[in-house]
Amino acid sequence: MGADIPKQFLPVGGKPVLMHTISRFHAYDKDLKVILVLPKTQQAYWQELCEQYHFDEDYQLADGGASRFQSCKNGISMIPTDAVGLVAIHDGVRPFVSCDTISRCFDTAETAKAVIPVLPVTDTLRFIGDSQSGRNVLRSDYKTVQTPQVFDIQLIKQAYEQEERADFTDDASVVERLGQVVTMVEGNRENIKITTPFDLKVAEVLLEL
């Protein structure tokens, strides 16, 4: 991002990105229990932002780890051992996930146990591998993956008892290592992950829609 502060704290539409994200889930269900995972070094600053912006939505705070895997594991450990139900794992810098997408994920996970939102690929894809020139591949064979990724609580707890691996690129890949089938549902195009200054400009436009 090239900013002095982490991207989840950058202001969009008058308040930090992360606040928009938490609010979106409470818009889906005001009683939803939220666990926010942040590195210890960022927690004091986050509390300052909450006071500055009068952000008083309910959440639990968990310590971030050295990797995405460890951070997710820390967050999941906050859920009681004997809990039953579903948990959604979401990127803090995806503040425009729709309530419809959240609902599709939760509703499908009631029976499927592991669900991810996806979108069709619209650009031409080229596989590079070890080749300098590469080759085109059928974009119909691929989907782009979003969050929230929703899982049965006991399933995801079991999955995160595994040792971390380099090919664990998201929570679905951790669950798939157990042999669990992951079900895809439709995501929403606005559910962008804010990673660049251009994304911030897009976010401002999306807030005006």
N, C-alpha and C. Protein backbone atom coordinates (compact mmCIF):
# COMPACT_ATOMS: atom_id res chain seq x y z
N MET A 1 0.82 -1.20 0.00
CA MET A 1 0.00 0.00 0.00
C MET A 1 0.86 1.26 0.00
N GLY A 2 2.06 1.18 0.61
CA GLY A 2 2.94 2.34 0.64
C GLY A 2 2.53 3.39 1.65
N ALA A 3 1.65 3.05 2.59
CA ALA A 3 1.20 4.00 3.61
C ALA A 3 1.98 3.78 4.90
N ASP A 4 1.90 4.76 5.79
CA ASP A 4 2.61 4.68 7.06
C ASP A 4 1.90 3.79 8.07
N ILE A 5 0.62 3.54 7.84
CA ILE A 5 -0.14 2.70 8.76
C ILE A 5 -0.70 1.50 8.00
N PRO A 6 -1.00 0.41 8.70
CA PRO A 6 -1.54 -0.79 8.03
C PRO A 6 -2.82 -0.47 7.27
N LYS A 7 -3.02 -1.15 6.16
CA LYS A 7 -4.12 -0.83 5.25
C LYS A 7 -5.50 -0.97 5.89
N GLN A 8 -5.64 -1.86 6.87
CA GLN A 8 -6.95 -2.03 7.50
C GLN A 8 -7.36 -0.83 8.33
N PHE A 9 -6.40 0.05 8.64
CA PHE A 9 -6.69 1.23 9.44
C PHE A 9 -6.85 2.50 8.60
N LEU A 10 -6.61 2.40 7.31
CA LEU A 10 -6.73 3.57 6.44
C LEU A 10 -8.19 4.00 6.33
N PRO A 11 -8.44 5.30 6.30
CA PRO A 11 -9.83 5.77 6.24
C PRO A 11 -10.43 5.64 4.84
N VAL A 12 -11.67 5.17 4.81
CA VAL A 12 -12.47 5.12 3.58
C VAL A 12 -13.86 5.61 3.96
N GLY A 13 -14.34 6.60 3.25
CA GLY A 13 -15.66 7.11 3.56
C GLY A 13 -15.79 7.62 4.99
N GLY A 14 -14.70 8.15 5.51
CA GLY A 14 -14.78 8.79 6.82
C GLY A 14 -14.45 7.93 8.02
N LYS A 15 -14.13 6.65 7.81
CA LYS A 15 -13.72 5.82 8.94
C LYS A 15 -12.84 4.68 8.44
N PRO A 16 -12.05 4.06 9.33
CA PRO A 16 -11.12 3.01 8.91
C PRO A 16 -11.81 1.82 8.24
N VAL A 17 -11.10 1.25 7.29
CA VAL A 17 -11.61 0.10 6.52
C VAL A 17 -12.15 -0.99 7.44
N LEU A 18 -11.39 -1.32 8.49
CA LEU A 18 -11.75 -2.42 9.37
C LEU A 18 -13.10 -2.20 10.05
N MET A 19 -13.43 -0.97 10.34
CA MET A 19 -14.73 -0.68 10.97
C MET A 19 -15.87 -0.95 10.00
N HIS A 20 -15.67 -0.61 8.74
CA HIS A 20 -16.67 -0.93 7.71
C HIS A 20 -16.90 -2.45 7.65
N THR A 21 -15.81 -3.21 7.73
CA THR A 21 -15.89 -4.66 7.61
C THR A 21 -16.69 -5.26 8.76
N ILE A 22 -16.37 -4.87 9.98
CA ILE A 22 -17.09 -5.39 11.14
C ILE A 22 -18.56 -5.00 11.06
N SER A 23 -18.82 -3.76 10.67
CA SER A 23 -20.21 -3.28 10.57
C SER A 23 -21.01 -4.07 9.55
N ARG A 24 -20.34 -4.52 8.48
CA ARG A 24 -21.04 -5.27 7.45
C ARG A 24 -21.58 -6.59 7.99
N PHE A 25 -20.81 -7.24 8.84
CA PHE A 25 -21.27 -8.51 9.42
C PHE A 25 -22.39 -8.29 10.44
N HIS A 26 -22.32 -7.19 11.16
CA HIS A 26 -23.41 -6.89 12.09
C HIS A 26 -24.65 -6.41 11.35
N ALA A 27 -24.48 -5.91 10.15
CA ALA A 27 -25.65 -5.58 9.33
C ALA A 27 -26.36 -6.86 8.89
N TYR A 28 -25.59 -7.91 8.66
CA TYR A 28 -26.17 -9.22 8.33
C TYR A 28 -26.89 -9.80 9.54
N ASP A 29 -26.26 -9.71 10.72
CA ASP A 29 -26.85 -10.23 11.95
C ASP A 29 -26.27 -9.44 13.12
N LYS A 30 -27.12 -8.61 13.74
CA LYS A 30 -26.63 -7.73 14.80
C LYS A 30 -26.12 -8.50 16.02
N ASP A 31 -26.52 -9.77 16.15
CA ASP A 31 -26.10 -10.59 17.29
C ASP A 31 -24.91 -11.49 16.97
N LEU A 32 -24.37 -11.36 15.76
CA LEU A 32 -23.24 -12.19 15.36
C LEU A 32 -22.03 -11.88 16.25
N LYS A 33 -21.38 -12.92 16.76
CA LYS A 33 -20.20 -12.73 17.61
C LYS A 33 -18.97 -12.59 16.72
N VAL A 34 -18.27 -11.50 16.87
CA VAL A 34 -17.11 -11.19 16.03
C VAL A 34 -15.83 -11.35 16.84
N ILE A 35 -14.87 -12.06 16.27
CA ILE A 35 -13.53 -12.16 16.84
C ILE A 35 -12.57 -11.44 15.90
N LEU A 36 -11.94 -10.40 16.38
CA LEU A 36 -11.01 -9.60 15.59
C LEU A 36 -9.58 -10.01 15.92
N VAL A 37 -8.83 -10.41 14.90
CA VAL A 37 -7.45 -10.84 15.11
C VAL A 37 -6.50 -9.74 14.64
N LEU A 38 -5.72 -9.21 15.57
CA LEU A 38 -4.76 -8.15 15.26
C LEU A 38 -3.43 -8.43 15.95
N PRO A 39 -2.32 -8.08 15.30
CA PRO A 39 -1.03 -8.20 15.97
C PRO A 39 -1.01 -7.36 17.25
N LYS A 40 -0.32 -7.83 18.27
CA LYS A 40 -0.25 -7.09 19.53
C LYS A 40 0.24 -5.66 19.32
N THR A 41 1.15 -5.49 18.38
CA THR A 41 1.74 -4.17 18.14
C THR A 41 0.74 -3.18 17.55
N GLN A 42 -0.40 -3.67 17.04
CA GLN A 42 -1.40 -2.80 16.43
C GLN A 42 -2.62 -2.56 17.33
N GLN A 43 -2.70 -3.28 18.42
CA GLN A 43 -3.93 -3.25 19.22
C GLN A 43 -4.15 -1.92 19.92
N ALA A 44 -3.09 -1.30 20.42
CA ALA A 44 -3.23 -0.02 21.10
C ALA A 44 -3.71 1.05 20.12
N TYR A 45 -3.14 1.03 18.91
CA TYR A 45 -3.55 2.00 17.90
C TYR A 45 -5.01 1.79 17.51
N TRP A 46 -5.42 0.52 17.40
CA TRP A 46 -6.81 0.22 17.08
C TRP A 46 -7.75 0.77 18.16
N GLN A 47 -7.36 0.62 19.41
CA GLN A 47 -8.19 1.15 20.50
C GLN A 47 -8.30 2.66 20.42
N GLU A 48 -7.21 3.31 20.03
CA GLU A 48 -7.25 4.77 19.85
C GLU A 48 -8.22 5.15 18.73
N LEU A 49 -8.21 4.37 17.64
CA LEU A 49 -9.13 4.64 16.54
C LEU A 49 -10.58 4.44 16.98
N CYS A 50 -10.81 3.40 17.76
CA CYS A 50 -12.18 3.15 18.23
C CYS A 50 -12.70 4.33 19.06
N GLU A 51 -11.83 4.90 19.89
CA GLU A 51 -12.22 6.06 20.68
C GLU A 51 -12.42 7.28 19.78
N GLN A 52 -11.52 7.46 18.84
CA GLN A 52 -11.59 8.62 17.95
C GLN A 52 -12.86 8.62 17.11
N TYR A 53 -13.24 7.43 16.62
CA TYR A 53 -14.39 7.33 15.72
C TYR A 53 -15.66 6.86 16.46
N HIS A 54 -15.58 6.77 17.78
CA HIS A 54 -16.72 6.35 18.60
C HIS A 54 -17.28 5.01 18.11
N PHE A 55 -16.37 4.11 17.83
CA PHE A 55 -16.75 2.79 17.34
C PHE A 55 -16.96 1.87 18.54
N ASP A 56 -18.20 1.47 18.77
CA ASP A 56 -18.50 0.69 19.97
C ASP A 56 -19.18 -0.64 19.66
N GLU A 57 -19.02 -1.12 18.43
CA GLU A 57 -19.61 -2.41 18.09
C GLU A 57 -18.89 -3.53 18.85
N ASP A 58 -19.64 -4.56 19.20
CA ASP A 58 -19.13 -5.62 20.07
C ASP A 58 -18.23 -6.59 19.31
N TYR A 59 -17.09 -6.95 19.92
CA TYR A 59 -16.19 -7.94 19.35
C TYR A 59 -15.24 -8.42 20.44
N GLN A 60 -14.61 -9.57 20.20
CA GLN A 60 -13.53 -10.07 21.03
C GLN A 60 -12.23 -9.86 20.27
N LEU A 61 -11.15 -9.63 21.01
CA LEU A 61 -9.87 -9.37 20.38
C LEU A 61 -8.93 -10.55 20.62
N ALA A 62 -8.32 -11.03 19.52
CA ALA A 62 -7.34 -12.11 19.60
C ALA A 62 -6.01 -11.62 19.03
N ASP A 63 -4.92 -12.19 19.51
CA ASP A 63 -3.59 -11.80 19.05
C ASP A 63 -3.27 -12.43 17.70
N GLY A 64 -2.74 -11.64 16.79
CA GLY A 64 -2.28 -12.16 15.52
C GLY A 64 -1.01 -12.96 15.68
N GLY A 65 -0.76 -13.85 14.73
CA GLY A 65 0.44 -14.68 14.78
C GLY A 65 1.44 -14.27 13.72
N ALA A 66 2.46 -15.09 13.55
CA ALA A 66 3.53 -14.78 12.61
C ALA A 66 3.13 -15.05 11.17
N SER A 67 2.01 -15.74 10.96
CA SER A 67 1.53 -16.06 9.62
C SER A 67 0.01 -16.02 9.63
N ARG A 68 -0.58 -16.07 8.43
CA ARG A 68 -2.04 -16.12 8.34
C ARG A 68 -2.58 -17.36 9.06
N PHE A 69 -1.91 -18.49 8.88
CA PHE A 69 -2.31 -19.73 9.53
C PHE A 69 -2.36 -19.55 11.04
N GLN A 70 -1.30 -19.00 11.61
CA GLN A 70 -1.23 -18.84 13.06
C GLN A 70 -2.27 -17.83 13.56
N SER A 71 -2.50 -16.78 12.77
CA SER A 71 -3.50 -15.79 13.17
C SER A 71 -4.90 -16.41 13.20
N CYS A 72 -5.24 -17.18 12.16
CA CYS A 72 -6.54 -17.84 12.12
C CYS A 72 -6.66 -18.84 13.27
N LYS A 73 -5.60 -19.56 13.53
CA LYS A 73 -5.61 -20.53 14.62
C LYS A 73 -5.88 -19.84 15.95
N ASN A 74 -5.25 -18.68 16.17
CA ASN A 74 -5.45 -17.93 17.40
C ASN A 74 -6.89 -17.46 17.53
N GLY A 75 -7.46 -17.01 16.42
CA GLY A 75 -8.84 -16.55 16.45
C GLY A 75 -9.79 -17.69 16.74
N ILE A 76 -9.59 -18.82 16.09
CA ILE A 76 -10.46 -19.98 16.28
C ILE A 76 -10.37 -20.51 17.71
N SER A 77 -9.20 -20.38 18.33
CA SER A 77 -9.02 -20.87 19.71
C SER A 77 -9.87 -20.10 20.70
N MET A 78 -10.38 -18.91 20.30
CA MET A 78 -11.25 -18.13 21.17
C MET A 78 -12.65 -18.72 21.24
N ILE A 79 -12.98 -19.58 20.30
CA ILE A 79 -14.29 -20.23 20.29
C ILE A 79 -14.26 -21.39 21.28
N PRO A 80 -15.25 -21.52 22.17
CA PRO A 80 -15.24 -22.61 23.15
C PRO A 80 -15.07 -23.98 22.51
N THR A 81 -14.35 -24.86 23.20
CA THR A 81 -14.02 -26.17 22.68
C THR A 81 -15.25 -26.98 22.29
N ASP A 82 -16.32 -26.84 23.07
CA ASP A 82 -17.52 -27.64 22.83
C ASP A 82 -18.57 -26.91 21.99
N ALA A 83 -18.18 -25.81 21.38
CA ALA A 83 -19.14 -25.02 20.60
C ALA A 83 -19.62 -25.79 19.37
N VAL A 84 -20.88 -25.61 19.03
CA VAL A 84 -21.43 -26.17 17.81
C VAL A 84 -21.98 -25.03 16.96
N GLY A 85 -22.00 -25.24 15.66
CA GLY A 85 -22.49 -24.19 14.77
C GLY A 85 -21.49 -23.90 13.68
N LEU A 86 -21.47 -22.65 13.21
CA LEU A 86 -20.65 -22.26 12.07
C LEU A 86 -19.79 -21.05 12.42
N VAL A 87 -18.65 -20.96 11.76
CA VAL A 87 -17.79 -19.78 11.90
C VAL A 87 -17.37 -19.31 10.51
N ALA A 88 -17.42 -18.00 10.31
CA ALA A 88 -16.95 -17.39 9.06
C ALA A 88 -15.60 -16.76 9.30
N ILE A 89 -14.66 -16.99 8.40
CA ILE A 89 -13.34 -16.38 8.48
C ILE A 89 -13.21 -15.41 7.30
N HIS A 90 -12.95 -14.15 7.62
CA HIS A 90 -13.03 -13.09 6.62
C HIS A 90 -11.82 -12.18 6.68
N ASP A 91 -11.40 -11.68 5.51
CA ASP A 91 -10.31 -10.71 5.44
C ASP A 91 -10.79 -9.35 5.95
N GLY A 92 -10.05 -8.76 6.87
CA GLY A 92 -10.43 -7.47 7.42
C GLY A 92 -10.47 -6.35 6.39
N VAL A 93 -9.77 -6.54 5.27
CA VAL A 93 -9.73 -5.49 4.24
C VAL A 93 -10.66 -5.81 3.07
N ARG A 94 -11.71 -6.56 3.37
CA ARG A 94 -12.81 -6.77 2.40
C ARG A 94 -14.08 -6.17 3.00
N PRO A 95 -14.23 -4.84 2.95
CA PRO A 95 -15.36 -4.19 3.63
C PRO A 95 -16.66 -4.16 2.84
N PHE A 96 -16.66 -4.72 1.62
CA PHE A 96 -17.86 -4.62 0.78
C PHE A 96 -18.51 -5.96 0.49
N VAL A 97 -18.25 -6.94 1.33
CA VAL A 97 -18.97 -8.21 1.17
C VAL A 97 -20.45 -7.93 1.39
N SER A 98 -21.29 -8.49 0.54
CA SER A 98 -22.72 -8.22 0.65
C SER A 98 -23.37 -9.14 1.69
N CYS A 99 -24.46 -8.68 2.26
CA CYS A 99 -25.23 -9.52 3.19
C CYS A 99 -25.73 -10.77 2.47
N ASP A 100 -26.03 -10.65 1.18
CA ASP A 100 -26.47 -11.82 0.41
C ASP A 100 -25.37 -12.87 0.32
N THR A 101 -24.13 -12.43 0.10
CA THR A 101 -23.01 -13.37 0.04
C THR A 101 -22.80 -14.04 1.39
N ILE A 102 -22.82 -13.26 2.46
CA ILE A 102 -22.67 -13.83 3.80
C ILE A 102 -23.76 -14.87 4.05
N SER A 103 -24.99 -14.52 3.69
CA SER A 103 -26.12 -15.42 3.89
C SER A 103 -25.96 -16.70 3.09
N ARG A 104 -25.54 -16.59 1.83
CA ARG A 104 -25.35 -17.80 1.00
C ARG A 104 -24.32 -18.73 1.63
N CYS A 105 -23.25 -18.14 2.14
CA CYS A 105 -22.19 -18.95 2.74
C CYS A 105 -22.69 -19.67 3.99
N PHE A 106 -23.34 -18.94 4.88
CA PHE A 106 -23.84 -19.55 6.11
C PHE A 106 -24.92 -20.58 5.82
N ASP A 107 -25.87 -20.23 4.96
CA ASP A 107 -26.98 -21.15 4.68
C ASP A 107 -26.49 -22.45 4.06
N THR A 108 -25.56 -22.36 3.13
CA THR A 108 -25.04 -23.57 2.48
C THR A 108 -24.20 -24.40 3.44
N ALA A 109 -23.46 -23.73 4.32
CA ALA A 109 -22.59 -24.44 5.26
C ALA A 109 -23.37 -25.23 6.30
N GLU A 110 -24.65 -24.93 6.46
CA GLU A 110 -25.47 -25.69 7.41
C GLU A 110 -25.42 -27.19 7.08
N THR A 111 -25.34 -27.50 5.80
CA THR A 111 -25.27 -28.91 5.40
C THR A 111 -23.93 -29.28 4.77
N ALA A 112 -23.30 -28.32 4.09
CA ALA A 112 -22.06 -28.63 3.36
C ALA A 112 -20.82 -28.62 4.24
N LYS A 113 -20.86 -27.89 5.36
CA LYS A 113 -19.80 -27.83 6.37
C LYS A 113 -18.58 -27.00 5.98
N ALA A 114 -18.35 -26.79 4.70
CA ALA A 114 -17.20 -25.99 4.26
C ALA A 114 -17.59 -25.27 2.97
N VAL A 115 -17.62 -23.93 3.02
CA VAL A 115 -18.15 -23.16 1.89
C VAL A 115 -17.27 -21.95 1.61
N ILE A 116 -17.03 -21.67 0.33
CA ILE A 116 -16.29 -20.48 -0.07
C ILE A 116 -17.07 -19.73 -1.16
N PRO A 117 -17.02 -18.40 -1.14
CA PRO A 117 -17.64 -17.63 -2.22
C PRO A 117 -16.64 -17.44 -3.36
N VAL A 118 -17.12 -17.58 -4.58
CA VAL A 118 -16.23 -17.47 -5.75
C VAL A 118 -16.91 -16.63 -6.83
N LEU A 119 -16.08 -16.19 -7.77
CA LEU A 119 -16.57 -15.49 -8.95
C LEU A 119 -15.91 -16.08 -10.20
N PRO A 120 -16.58 -15.98 -11.35
CA PRO A 120 -15.93 -16.43 -12.60
C PRO A 120 -14.78 -15.52 -12.97
N VAL A 121 -13.78 -16.08 -13.62
CA VAL A 121 -12.65 -15.28 -14.11
C VAL A 121 -13.06 -14.59 -15.40
N THR A 122 -12.82 -13.28 -15.49
CA THR A 122 -13.21 -12.54 -16.69
C THR A 122 -12.02 -12.21 -17.60
N ASP A 123 -10.82 -12.20 -17.04
CA ASP A 123 -9.63 -11.92 -17.85
C ASP A 123 -9.09 -13.20 -18.49
N THR A 124 -8.36 -13.04 -19.56
CA THR A 124 -7.63 -14.17 -20.13
C THR A 124 -6.51 -14.56 -19.18
N LEU A 125 -6.33 -15.86 -18.97
CA LEU A 125 -5.29 -16.35 -18.07
C LEU A 125 -4.17 -17.00 -18.87
N ARG A 126 -2.96 -16.81 -18.41
CA ARG A 126 -1.80 -17.41 -19.06
C ARG A 126 -0.95 -18.12 -18.02
N PHE A 127 -0.72 -19.42 -18.25
CA PHE A 127 0.11 -20.21 -17.36
C PHE A 127 1.57 -20.04 -17.73
N ILE A 128 2.39 -19.69 -16.75
CA ILE A 128 3.81 -19.44 -17.02
C ILE A 128 4.67 -20.66 -16.66
N GLY A 129 4.59 -21.11 -15.41
CA GLY A 129 5.42 -22.23 -14.98
C GLY A 129 6.89 -21.92 -15.17
N ASP A 130 7.63 -22.83 -15.76
CA ASP A 130 9.06 -22.62 -16.03
C ASP A 130 9.31 -22.05 -17.42
N SER A 131 8.24 -21.78 -18.15
CA SER A 131 8.40 -21.30 -19.53
C SER A 131 8.51 -19.79 -19.56
N GLN A 132 9.28 -19.26 -20.49
CA GLN A 132 9.40 -17.82 -20.65
C GLN A 132 8.22 -17.24 -21.42
N SER A 133 7.63 -18.04 -22.27
CA SER A 133 6.52 -17.54 -23.08
C SER A 133 5.17 -17.91 -22.50
N GLY A 134 5.08 -19.06 -21.82
CA GLY A 134 3.82 -19.49 -21.22
C GLY A 134 2.80 -19.94 -22.26
N ARG A 135 1.59 -20.19 -21.78
CA ARG A 135 0.50 -20.59 -22.67
C ARG A 135 -0.83 -20.18 -22.06
N ASN A 136 -1.78 -19.89 -22.89
CA ASN A 136 -3.12 -19.54 -22.41
C ASN A 136 -3.82 -20.79 -21.87
N VAL A 137 -4.65 -20.56 -20.86
CA VAL A 137 -5.46 -21.65 -20.31
C VAL A 137 -6.92 -21.22 -20.31
N LEU A 138 -7.82 -22.18 -20.25
CA LEU A 138 -9.24 -21.89 -20.27
C LEU A 138 -9.67 -21.22 -18.97
N ARG A 139 -10.16 -20.00 -19.07
CA ARG A 139 -10.57 -19.31 -17.85
C ARG A 139 -11.81 -19.96 -17.24
N SER A 140 -12.56 -20.70 -18.04
CA SER A 140 -13.73 -21.40 -17.50
C SER A 140 -13.34 -22.50 -16.52
N ASP A 141 -12.06 -22.88 -16.51
CA ASP A 141 -11.57 -23.90 -15.58
C ASP A 141 -11.21 -23.32 -14.22
N TYR A 142 -11.33 -21.99 -14.07
CA TYR A 142 -10.86 -21.35 -12.85
C TYR A 142 -11.92 -20.42 -12.26
N LYS A 143 -11.80 -20.20 -10.95
CA LYS A 143 -12.62 -19.24 -10.24
C LYS A 143 -11.71 -18.39 -9.35
N THR A 144 -12.12 -17.16 -9.10
CA THR A 144 -11.44 -16.36 -8.09
C THR A 144 -12.15 -16.57 -6.76
N VAL A 145 -11.36 -16.71 -5.70
CA VAL A 145 -11.91 -17.05 -4.39
C VAL A 145 -11.94 -15.81 -3.50
N GLN A 146 -13.05 -15.65 -2.79
CA GLN A 146 -13.21 -14.54 -1.86
C GLN A 146 -13.35 -15.08 -0.43
N THR A 147 -13.65 -14.19 0.47
CA THR A 147 -14.08 -14.54 1.81
C THR A 147 -15.39 -13.79 2.07
N PRO A 148 -16.23 -14.22 3.03
CA PRO A 148 -15.92 -15.14 4.12
C PRO A 148 -15.95 -16.60 3.68
N GLN A 149 -15.05 -17.38 4.27
CA GLN A 149 -15.08 -18.81 4.12
C GLN A 149 -15.71 -19.38 5.40
N VAL A 150 -16.76 -20.14 5.24
CA VAL A 150 -17.58 -20.56 6.38
C VAL A 150 -17.47 -22.06 6.61
N PHE A 151 -17.30 -22.43 7.88
CA PHE A 151 -17.04 -23.84 8.22
C PHE A 151 -17.82 -24.25 9.47
N ASP A 152 -18.09 -25.54 9.55
CA ASP A 152 -18.53 -26.13 10.80
C ASP A 152 -17.44 -25.90 11.84
N ILE A 153 -17.82 -25.46 13.02
CA ILE A 153 -16.83 -25.08 14.03
C ILE A 153 -15.90 -26.24 14.39
N GLN A 154 -16.46 -27.40 14.63
CA GLN A 154 -15.61 -28.53 15.03
C GLN A 154 -14.69 -28.97 13.90
N LEU A 155 -15.16 -28.83 12.66
CA LEU A 155 -14.32 -29.18 11.51
C LEU A 155 -13.12 -28.24 11.42
N ILE A 156 -13.35 -26.94 11.54
CA ILE A 156 -12.23 -25.99 11.40
C ILE A 156 -11.28 -26.08 12.58
N LYS A 157 -11.80 -26.40 13.76
CA LYS A 157 -10.92 -26.58 14.91
C LYS A 157 -10.00 -27.78 14.67
N GLN A 158 -10.56 -28.86 14.15
CA GLN A 158 -9.76 -30.04 13.84
C GLN A 158 -8.71 -29.72 12.77
N ALA A 159 -9.12 -28.96 11.76
CA ALA A 159 -8.22 -28.63 10.66
C ALA A 159 -7.00 -27.85 11.15
N TYR A 160 -7.22 -26.95 12.09
CA TYR A 160 -6.11 -26.12 12.56
C TYR A 160 -5.28 -26.79 13.64
N GLU A 161 -5.53 -28.05 13.91
CA GLU A 161 -4.63 -28.85 14.74
C GLU A 161 -3.47 -29.40 13.91
N GLN A 162 -3.58 -29.29 12.58
CA GLN A 162 -2.51 -29.76 11.69
C GLN A 162 -1.30 -28.83 11.77
N GLU A 163 -0.17 -29.36 11.37
CA GLU A 163 1.03 -28.54 11.25
C GLU A 163 0.88 -27.61 10.05
N GLU A 164 1.40 -26.41 10.15
CA GLU A 164 1.31 -25.44 9.06
C GLU A 164 2.11 -25.91 7.86
N ARG A 165 1.57 -25.69 6.66
CA ARG A 165 2.23 -26.07 5.42
C ARG A 165 2.27 -24.87 4.47
N ALA A 166 3.24 -24.87 3.56
CA ALA A 166 3.38 -23.77 2.61
C ALA A 166 2.20 -23.67 1.66
N ASP A 167 1.52 -24.80 1.39
CA ASP A 167 0.40 -24.78 0.45
C ASP A 167 -0.93 -24.48 1.13
N PHE A 168 -0.91 -24.10 2.41
CA PHE A 168 -2.11 -23.62 3.08
C PHE A 168 -2.27 -22.13 2.77
N THR A 169 -2.89 -21.84 1.64
CA THR A 169 -3.01 -20.45 1.20
C THR A 169 -4.26 -19.76 1.72
N ASP A 170 -5.24 -20.54 2.16
CA ASP A 170 -6.44 -20.00 2.78
C ASP A 170 -7.03 -21.06 3.68
N ASP A 171 -8.14 -20.75 4.32
CA ASP A 171 -8.73 -21.69 5.27
C ASP A 171 -9.28 -22.92 4.57
N ALA A 172 -9.80 -22.74 3.36
CA ALA A 172 -10.33 -23.87 2.61
C ALA A 172 -9.24 -24.91 2.34
N SER A 173 -8.04 -24.45 2.03
CA SER A 173 -6.96 -25.40 1.75
C SER A 173 -6.56 -26.17 3.01
N VAL A 174 -6.72 -25.55 4.18
CA VAL A 174 -6.42 -26.24 5.44
C VAL A 174 -7.45 -27.35 5.67
N VAL A 175 -8.71 -27.03 5.43
CA VAL A 175 -9.78 -28.00 5.62
C VAL A 175 -9.70 -29.13 4.59
N GLU A 176 -9.36 -28.78 3.36
CA GLU A 176 -9.27 -29.80 2.30
C GLU A 176 -8.19 -30.83 2.61
N ARG A 177 -7.19 -30.45 3.38
CA ARG A 177 -6.11 -31.38 3.74
C ARG A 177 -6.65 -32.54 4.57
N LEU A 178 -7.80 -32.33 5.22
CA LEU A 178 -8.43 -33.38 5.99
C LEU A 178 -9.26 -34.32 5.10
N GLY A 179 -9.41 -33.94 3.82
CA GLY A 179 -10.24 -34.72 2.91
C GLY A 179 -11.65 -34.18 2.78
N GLN A 180 -11.91 -33.03 3.40
CA GLN A 180 -13.24 -32.43 3.34
C GLN A 180 -13.46 -31.74 1.99
N VAL A 181 -14.62 -32.00 1.38
CA VAL A 181 -14.99 -31.31 0.14
C VAL A 181 -15.43 -29.89 0.47
N VAL A 182 -14.97 -28.93 -0.30
CA VAL A 182 -15.35 -27.53 -0.13
C VAL A 182 -16.36 -27.14 -1.20
N THR A 183 -17.48 -26.59 -0.78
CA THR A 183 -18.55 -26.21 -1.69
C THR A 183 -18.43 -24.74 -2.07
N MET A 184 -18.64 -24.43 -3.35
CA MET A 184 -18.55 -23.05 -3.83
C MET A 184 -19.94 -22.44 -3.96
N VAL A 185 -20.06 -21.17 -3.57
CA VAL A 185 -21.28 -20.40 -3.81
C VAL A 185 -20.88 -19.09 -4.48
N GLU A 186 -21.86 -18.38 -4.99
CA GLU A 186 -21.59 -17.13 -5.69
C GLU A 186 -21.17 -16.03 -4.71
N GLY A 187 -20.09 -15.33 -5.03
CA GLY A 187 -19.68 -14.17 -4.25
C GLY A 187 -20.30 -12.92 -4.82
N ASN A 188 -19.74 -11.75 -4.47
CA ASN A 188 -20.22 -10.51 -5.09
C ASN A 188 -19.04 -9.70 -5.58
N ARG A 189 -19.21 -9.08 -6.76
CA ARG A 189 -18.12 -8.41 -7.45
C ARG A 189 -17.52 -7.26 -6.63
N GLU A 190 -18.36 -6.63 -5.79
CA GLU A 190 -17.87 -5.49 -5.00
C GLU A 190 -16.97 -5.93 -3.85
N ASN A 191 -16.94 -7.21 -3.58
CA ASN A 191 -16.20 -7.74 -2.42
C ASN A 191 -14.70 -7.77 -2.70
N ILE A 192 -14.16 -6.60 -2.94
CA ILE A 192 -12.74 -6.49 -3.29
C ILE A 192 -11.87 -6.53 -2.04
N LYS A 193 -10.63 -6.95 -2.23
CA LYS A 193 -9.64 -6.92 -1.16
C LYS A 193 -8.78 -5.68 -1.36
N ILE A 194 -8.82 -4.78 -0.40
CA ILE A 194 -8.11 -3.51 -0.55
C ILE A 194 -6.63 -3.72 -0.26
N THR A 195 -5.81 -3.64 -1.30
CA THR A 195 -4.37 -3.88 -1.17
C THR A 195 -3.50 -2.79 -1.78
N THR A 196 -4.07 -1.94 -2.64
CA THR A 196 -3.28 -0.92 -3.32
C THR A 196 -3.98 0.44 -3.21
N PRO A 197 -3.25 1.54 -3.47
CA PRO A 197 -3.88 2.86 -3.46
C PRO A 197 -5.05 2.96 -4.45
N PHE A 198 -4.96 2.26 -5.58
CA PHE A 198 -6.06 2.26 -6.54
C PHE A 198 -7.31 1.64 -5.92
N ASP A 199 -7.12 0.56 -5.13
CA ASP A 199 -8.26 -0.08 -4.47
C ASP A 199 -8.96 0.89 -3.53
N LEU A 200 -8.20 1.76 -2.89
CA LEU A 200 -8.81 2.76 -2.01
C LEU A 200 -9.71 3.70 -2.78
N LYS A 201 -9.28 4.08 -3.99
CA LYS A 201 -10.11 4.95 -4.83
C LYS A 201 -11.39 4.23 -5.25
N VAL A 202 -11.26 2.95 -5.59
CA VAL A 202 -12.44 2.15 -5.95
C VAL A 202 -13.39 2.06 -4.76
N ALA A 203 -12.80 1.89 -3.56
CA ALA A 203 -13.62 1.77 -2.36
C ALA A 203 -14.45 3.03 -2.12
N GLU A 204 -13.86 4.18 -2.36
CA GLU A 204 -14.60 5.43 -2.17
C GLU A 204 -15.80 5.49 -3.11
N VAL A 205 -15.59 5.02 -4.33
CA VAL A 205 -16.69 5.01 -5.32
C VAL A 205 -17.77 4.03 -4.88
N LEU A 206 -17.36 2.84 -4.39
CA LEU A 206 -18.34 1.84 -3.97
C LEU A 206 -19.20 2.34 -2.83
N LEU A 207 -18.64 3.13 -1.95
CA LEU A 207 -19.40 3.66 -0.82
C LEU A 207 -20.47 4.65 -1.27
N GLU A 208 -20.29 5.21 -2.46
CA GLU A 208 -21.26 6.17 -2.95
C GLU A 208 -22.41 5.52 -3.72
N LEU A 209 -22.27 4.23 -4.03
CA LEU A 209 -23.29 3.53 -4.80
C LEU A 209 -24.53 3.24 -3.96
